[in-house]
Amino acid sequence: MPTLLIAEHDHKSLKPATLNAVTAAAKLGQPITILVAGHNADAAAKAAASVAGVAEVLHADDAAYVHFLAENMAALIAKLAPNYTHVMAPATSNGKNYLPRAAGLCGCAQVSDIISVESADTFTRPIYAGNAIATVQSKAKIKFITVRGTAFDAAAATGGSAAVKKIDGAGDSGLSKFVGEELSKSERPELTAARIVVSGGRALGSGEVFKKLLEPLADKLNAAIGASRAAVDAGYVPNDYQVGQTGKVVAPDLYIAIGISGAIQHLAGMKDSKVIVAINKDADAPIFQLADYGLIGDLFQIVPELTEKLGK
């Protein structure tokens, strides 16, 4: 039987996390079916059909899925799940919202945030803020799984030629309704998809300094900006900048940690970065134990100098 993968998309295109999840699903060795549930999402369904390794695309077009409300999505997934051995979704805010509900409707337990596929019923996932890796074996009749995207390479977005099949949705459950949203807009890359991330900590002292020091450096590198929880809690930047166990998990090619001591909760969100650079005046800061390169000194001098050098 095939594997069902729930696509993360914006109705026009697939989100990068979907491609990472395809790679995870492929390790099961079964045909992959992608579900694109949305409204006027023909372009997203077409993009899913082009992904290498995908056998079939199910396209549920219904206004009930325009905002991906968990109750509506879960009902659709639970309706389809009995036809599959595994149901997977990226471990994004949406995936973590609707997949547990779908698992509950099917009377199955979920395996969350996996980082490897050992066999059809055995997976690994981080626990204790990433300090230990648990090997989990599921005996559920249907395996519901969320995938940590940073642990898997992205599948090729082109090269596939899957058929797109229109299906009926499960309709509006009436259990919840969309009221509104406030979206932050930025010309910088999305934090979870950026190749370079520049992050700041509480040592920057204020939101004004955070912006003054980090934004010019990020602009030079075409980088996304992140922050530690301490910086977010101090009000320097909005919550969506937070990297860590209770924030976003990133794995860019380059992660620059500025004024971040390296609390275990923060390390859990960025330790898989390819290259880590730390700038901190405290030589004993835990971040240096993880960093590939470390600059010990006054960040208020080092960062402007680094930004200037990059401009030449």
Protein backbone atom coordinates (compact mmCIF):
# COMPACT_ATOMS: atom_id res chain seq x y z
CA MET A 1 0.00 0.00 0.00
CA PRO A 2 1.20 3.54 -0.68
CA THR A 3 2.19 6.36 1.64
CA LEU A 4 0.03 9.50 1.89
CA LEU A 5 1.91 12.78 2.28
CA ILE A 6 0.05 15.98 3.15
CA ALA A 7 1.46 18.87 1.13
CA GLU A 8 2.38 22.17 2.74
CA HIS A 9 1.56 24.91 0.24
CA ASP A 10 0.17 28.42 -0.24
CA HIS A 11 -2.37 27.40 -2.92
CA LYS A 12 0.06 28.55 -5.61
CA SER A 13 3.25 26.63 -4.91
CA LEU A 14 4.65 23.98 -2.59
CA LYS A 15 6.50 24.99 0.55
CA PRO A 16 10.09 23.68 0.77
CA ALA A 17 9.20 21.47 3.75
CA THR A 18 7.06 19.33 1.45
CA LEU A 19 10.10 18.39 -0.64
CA ASN A 20 12.02 17.36 2.47
CA ALA A 21 9.08 15.23 3.57
CA VAL A 22 9.00 13.51 0.16
CA THR A 23 12.57 12.36 0.74
CA ALA A 24 11.56 10.92 4.12
CA ALA A 25 8.53 9.18 2.60
CA ALA A 26 10.69 7.69 -0.17
CA LYS A 27 12.76 5.85 2.43
CA LEU A 28 9.74 3.67 3.18
CA GLY A 29 10.09 2.16 -0.29
CA GLN A 30 6.42 2.55 -1.15
CA PRO A 31 4.58 4.60 -3.80
CA ILE A 32 3.99 8.16 -2.62
CA THR A 33 0.64 9.92 -2.94
CA ILE A 34 0.55 13.65 -2.17
CA LEU A 35 -2.64 15.27 -0.91
CA VAL A 36 -3.07 18.92 -1.92
CA ALA A 37 -6.02 20.26 0.06
CA GLY A 38 -6.74 23.89 -0.69
CA HIS A 39 -8.91 26.36 -2.58
CA ASN A 40 -8.14 27.28 -6.17
CA ALA A 41 -4.88 25.39 -5.68
CA ASP A 42 -4.50 23.93 -9.17
CA ALA A 43 -0.99 25.40 -9.45
CA ALA A 44 0.09 23.74 -6.20
CA ALA A 45 -1.34 20.40 -7.35
CA LYS A 46 0.53 20.71 -10.63
CA ALA A 47 3.75 21.49 -8.76
CA ALA A 48 3.23 18.41 -6.57
CA ALA A 49 2.79 16.25 -9.66
CA SER A 50 6.19 17.42 -10.93
CA VAL A 51 8.09 16.34 -7.82
CA ALA A 52 10.46 13.46 -8.49
CA GLY A 53 9.34 10.19 -6.94
CA VAL A 54 5.65 11.05 -6.54
CA ALA A 55 3.23 8.46 -7.95
CA GLU A 56 -0.11 10.26 -7.56
CA VAL A 57 -1.56 13.59 -6.46
CA LEU A 58 -4.97 13.92 -4.82
CA HIS A 59 -6.43 17.40 -5.19
CA ALA A 60 -9.24 18.37 -2.81
CA ASP A 61 -10.48 21.81 -3.83
CA ASP A 62 -12.84 23.28 -1.25
CA ALA A 63 -13.22 26.66 0.47
CA ALA A 64 -13.09 24.75 3.76
CA TYR A 65 -9.32 24.34 3.25
CA VAL A 66 -8.40 27.88 2.32
CA HIS A 67 -6.93 28.56 5.79
CA PHE A 68 -6.00 24.94 6.60
CA LEU A 69 -8.16 24.84 9.73
CA ALA A 70 -7.13 21.78 11.70
CA GLU A 71 -10.63 20.43 12.26
CA ASN A 72 -11.46 20.52 8.55
CA MET A 73 -8.11 19.14 7.43
CA ALA A 74 -8.18 16.35 10.01
CA ALA A 75 -11.59 15.13 8.84
CA LEU A 76 -10.36 14.87 5.25
CA ILE A 77 -7.12 13.11 6.21
CA ALA A 78 -8.96 10.64 8.46
CA LYS A 79 -11.35 9.89 5.60
CA LEU A 80 -8.45 9.00 3.28
CA ALA A 81 -6.09 7.37 5.80
CA PRO A 82 -7.51 3.78 5.74
CA ASN A 83 -6.23 3.44 2.16
CA TYR A 84 -2.62 3.94 3.27
CA THR A 85 -0.10 2.35 5.63
CA HIS A 86 1.59 5.65 6.48
CA VAL A 87 0.31 9.23 6.63
CA MET A 88 3.05 11.85 6.77
CA ALA A 89 3.22 15.64 7.00
CA PRO A 90 5.98 18.18 7.48
CA ALA A 91 6.46 19.13 11.15
CA THR A 92 5.38 22.71 10.49
CA SER A 93 2.81 24.72 12.45
CA ASN A 94 0.09 23.39 10.15
CA GLY A 95 1.27 19.79 10.16
CA LYS A 96 1.62 19.72 13.93
CA ASN A 97 -1.89 21.14 14.17
CA TYR A 98 -3.96 18.83 11.99
CA LEU A 99 -2.11 15.51 11.86
CA PRO A 100 -2.52 14.59 15.57
CA ARG A 101 -6.24 15.27 15.22
CA ALA A 102 -6.42 12.98 12.20
CA ALA A 103 -4.52 10.28 14.09
CA GLY A 104 -6.96 10.60 16.98
CA LEU A 105 -9.94 10.26 14.66
CA CYS A 106 -8.43 7.02 13.36
CA GLY A 107 -7.62 5.71 16.83
CA CYS A 108 -3.87 5.73 16.16
CA ALA A 109 -0.87 7.16 17.98
CA GLN A 110 1.42 9.59 16.17
CA VAL A 111 5.21 9.57 15.87
CA SER A 112 6.29 13.21 15.86
CA ASP A 113 9.25 15.10 14.41
CA ILE A 114 11.19 12.16 13.01
CA ILE A 115 14.77 12.63 11.80
CA SER A 116 15.31 9.21 10.22
CA VAL A 117 13.42 6.21 8.87
CA GLU A 118 14.94 2.96 10.14
CA SER A 119 12.24 0.66 8.74
CA ALA A 120 8.53 0.71 7.90
CA ASP A 121 7.60 0.82 11.59
CA THR A 122 10.72 2.24 13.27
CA PHE A 123 11.87 5.86 13.34
CA THR A 124 14.18 8.13 15.32
CA ARG A 125 13.28 11.47 16.84
CA PRO A 126 15.06 13.95 19.12
CA ILE A 127 14.07 14.21 22.79
CA TYR A 128 15.31 16.35 25.71
CA ALA A 129 15.92 19.35 23.43
CA GLY A 130 17.94 17.22 21.05
CA ASN A 131 20.35 15.87 23.67
CA ALA A 132 19.12 12.32 23.11
CA ILE A 133 17.73 10.48 20.13
CA ALA A 134 14.85 8.08 20.74
CA THR A 135 14.22 5.10 18.49
CA VAL A 136 10.45 4.62 18.28
CA GLN A 137 8.64 1.57 16.94
CA SER A 138 4.98 2.01 16.05
CA LYS A 139 2.50 -0.86 16.07
CA ALA A 140 -0.39 1.34 14.93
CA LYS A 141 -2.40 0.03 11.99
CA ILE A 142 -1.76 3.36 10.25
CA LYS A 143 1.47 5.21 11.04
CA PHE A 144 0.87 8.95 11.42
CA ILE A 145 4.21 10.76 11.21
CA THR A 146 5.43 14.35 11.18
CA VAL A 147 8.83 14.95 9.55
CA ARG A 148 11.52 17.38 10.67
CA GLY A 149 12.44 18.91 7.33
CA THR A 150 15.96 19.93 8.30
CA ALA A 151 16.89 16.26 8.79
CA PHE A 152 16.22 15.29 5.15
CA ASP A 153 17.48 16.64 1.85
CA ALA A 154 14.87 18.16 -0.44
CA ALA A 155 13.53 16.00 -3.23
CA ALA A 156 13.87 17.34 -6.76
CA ALA A 157 10.99 19.68 -7.56
CA THR A 158 11.01 18.62 -11.20
CA GLY A 159 11.32 15.35 -13.04
CA GLY A 160 8.08 13.75 -11.91
CA SER A 161 4.96 13.20 -13.95
CA ALA A 162 2.31 12.01 -11.51
CA ALA A 163 -1.36 12.02 -12.38
CA VAL A 164 -3.58 14.55 -10.59
CA LYS A 165 -6.87 13.14 -9.33
CA LYS A 166 -9.65 15.43 -8.18
CA ILE A 167 -11.38 14.24 -5.02
CA ASP A 168 -14.24 15.51 -2.90
CA GLY A 169 -13.38 17.21 0.36
CA ALA A 170 -14.94 16.43 3.72
CA GLY A 171 -16.55 19.87 3.89
CA ASP A 172 -16.63 22.37 6.72
CA SER A 173 -16.85 20.67 10.12
CA GLY A 174 -18.35 23.78 11.70
CA LEU A 175 -16.11 23.29 14.73
CA SER A 176 -13.96 26.35 14.13
CA LYS A 177 -13.83 29.43 11.93
CA PHE A 178 -11.11 31.67 10.61
CA VAL A 179 -11.19 35.12 12.22
CA GLY A 180 -8.05 36.83 10.96
CA GLU A 181 -4.28 36.81 10.85
CA GLU A 182 -1.40 39.24 11.11
CA LEU A 183 1.46 38.37 8.80
CA SER A 184 4.91 39.86 9.01
CA LYS A 185 6.28 40.81 5.59
CA SER A 186 9.96 40.89 4.74
CA GLU A 187 12.07 41.02 1.62
CA ARG A 188 14.55 38.72 3.31
CA PRO A 189 14.47 34.93 2.85
CA GLU A 190 12.08 32.92 4.99
CA LEU A 191 13.84 31.89 8.20
CA THR A 192 13.29 28.14 7.87
CA ALA A 193 14.33 28.08 4.20
CA ALA A 194 17.25 30.55 4.20
CA ARG A 195 20.77 29.42 3.26
CA ILE A 196 22.25 31.92 5.72
CA VAL A 197 20.81 32.99 9.09
CA VAL A 198 22.08 35.80 11.29
CA SER A 199 20.76 35.48 14.85
CA GLY A 200 21.04 37.79 17.83
CA GLY A 201 20.69 37.32 21.56
CA ARG A 202 19.87 39.31 24.64
CA ALA A 203 23.44 40.71 24.76
CA LEU A 204 22.49 43.15 22.00
CA GLY A 205 20.69 45.14 24.67
CA SER A 206 17.67 46.55 22.82
CA GLY A 207 15.52 46.24 19.75
CA GLU A 208 17.09 49.36 18.27
CA VAL A 209 20.60 47.96 18.59
CA PHE A 210 19.43 44.57 17.32
CA LYS A 211 18.15 46.23 14.17
CA LYS A 212 21.11 48.58 13.79
CA LEU A 213 23.76 45.85 14.05
CA LEU A 214 22.15 42.78 12.51
CA GLU A 215 20.13 44.15 9.60
CA PRO A 216 23.11 45.60 7.66
CA LEU A 217 25.01 42.33 8.09
CA ALA A 218 21.99 40.28 7.00
CA ASP A 219 21.50 42.54 3.99
CA LYS A 220 25.10 42.02 2.88
CA LEU A 221 24.73 38.25 3.14
CA ASN A 222 21.14 38.06 1.85
CA ALA A 223 20.39 36.29 5.10
CA ALA A 224 17.33 35.73 7.24
CA ILE A 225 17.32 37.15 10.76
CA GLY A 226 16.72 34.98 13.80
CA ALA A 227 16.86 35.45 17.54
CA SER A 228 17.20 33.57 20.78
CA ARG A 229 14.21 33.18 23.07
CA ALA A 230 15.79 35.63 25.51
CA ALA A 231 15.89 38.31 22.81
CA VAL A 232 12.27 37.62 21.88
CA ASP A 233 11.13 37.63 25.52
CA ALA A 234 12.93 40.94 26.01
CA GLY A 235 10.85 42.42 23.20
CA TYR A 236 13.72 43.08 20.79
CA VAL A 237 12.02 41.25 17.91
CA PRO A 238 8.70 39.47 17.18
CA ASN A 239 8.05 35.82 18.08
CA ASP A 240 8.43 34.64 14.50
CA TYR A 241 12.17 35.41 14.71
CA GLN A 242 12.71 32.84 17.46
CA VAL A 243 15.02 29.91 16.77
CA GLY A 244 15.02 27.03 19.21
CA GLN A 245 13.06 24.26 20.85
CA THR A 246 9.99 26.48 21.29
CA GLY A 247 10.65 28.43 18.10
CA LYS A 248 11.72 27.47 14.61
CA VAL A 249 14.15 24.71 13.71
CA VAL A 250 16.65 25.77 11.04
CA ALA A 251 19.60 24.10 9.31
CA PRO A 252 21.12 26.68 6.96
CA ASP A 253 24.51 26.44 5.24
CA LEU A 254 25.74 29.20 7.54
CA TYR A 255 24.42 30.20 10.98
CA ILE A 256 25.93 33.27 12.66
CA ALA A 257 25.11 33.51 16.37
CA ILE A 258 25.76 36.99 17.75
CA GLY A 259 25.57 37.60 21.48
CA ILE A 260 23.93 34.19 22.03
CA SER A 261 25.25 32.20 24.96
CA GLY A 262 23.96 28.87 23.65
CA ALA A 263 21.22 27.71 25.98
CA ILE A 264 20.20 24.12 25.30
CA GLN A 265 16.78 25.26 24.04
CA HIS A 266 18.40 27.46 21.38
CA LEU A 267 20.92 24.83 20.31
CA ALA A 268 18.07 22.39 19.67
CA GLY A 269 16.82 24.69 16.92
CA MET A 270 20.06 25.30 15.00
CA LYS A 271 22.61 22.58 15.82
CA ASP A 272 22.16 20.91 12.42
CA SER A 273 23.44 24.00 10.58
CA LYS A 274 26.27 23.16 8.18
CA VAL A 275 28.65 25.86 9.50
CA ILE A 276 28.16 27.72 12.79
CA VAL A 277 29.93 30.97 13.63
CA ALA A 278 29.67 32.38 17.16
CA ILE A 279 30.49 35.91 18.29
CA ASN A 280 30.52 36.40 22.05
CA LYS A 281 32.72 38.09 24.63
CA ASP A 282 32.33 35.17 27.07
CA ALA A 283 34.95 32.57 26.13
CA ASP A 284 33.12 29.98 28.24
CA ALA A 285 29.77 30.43 26.51
CA PRO A 286 28.28 27.02 25.57
CA ILE A 287 27.77 28.15 21.98
CA PHE A 288 31.52 27.82 21.38
CA GLN A 289 31.34 24.07 22.05
CA LEU A 290 29.11 23.70 19.00
CA ALA A 291 30.56 26.42 16.78
CA ASP A 292 32.87 25.68 13.86
CA TYR A 293 34.34 29.16 14.17
CA GLY A 294 34.33 31.45 17.17
CA LEU A 295 35.14 35.13 17.66
CA ILE A 296 35.70 36.07 21.29
CA GLY A 297 35.30 39.78 21.73
CA ASP A 298 32.98 42.77 21.86
CA LEU A 299 30.18 42.22 19.37
CA PHE A 300 29.57 45.97 19.19
CA GLN A 301 33.00 46.28 17.56
CA ILE A 302 33.23 42.99 15.71
CA VAL A 303 29.86 43.08 13.92
CA PRO A 304 30.23 46.56 12.35
CA GLU A 305 33.78 45.67 11.29
CA LEU A 306 32.59 42.39 9.76
CA THR A 307 29.80 44.18 7.93
CA GLU A 308 32.25 46.75 6.60
CA LYS A 309 34.68 44.09 5.40
CA LEU A 310 31.89 42.30 3.55
CA GLY A 311 31.13 45.50 1.67
CA LYS A 312 34.58 45.67 0.12
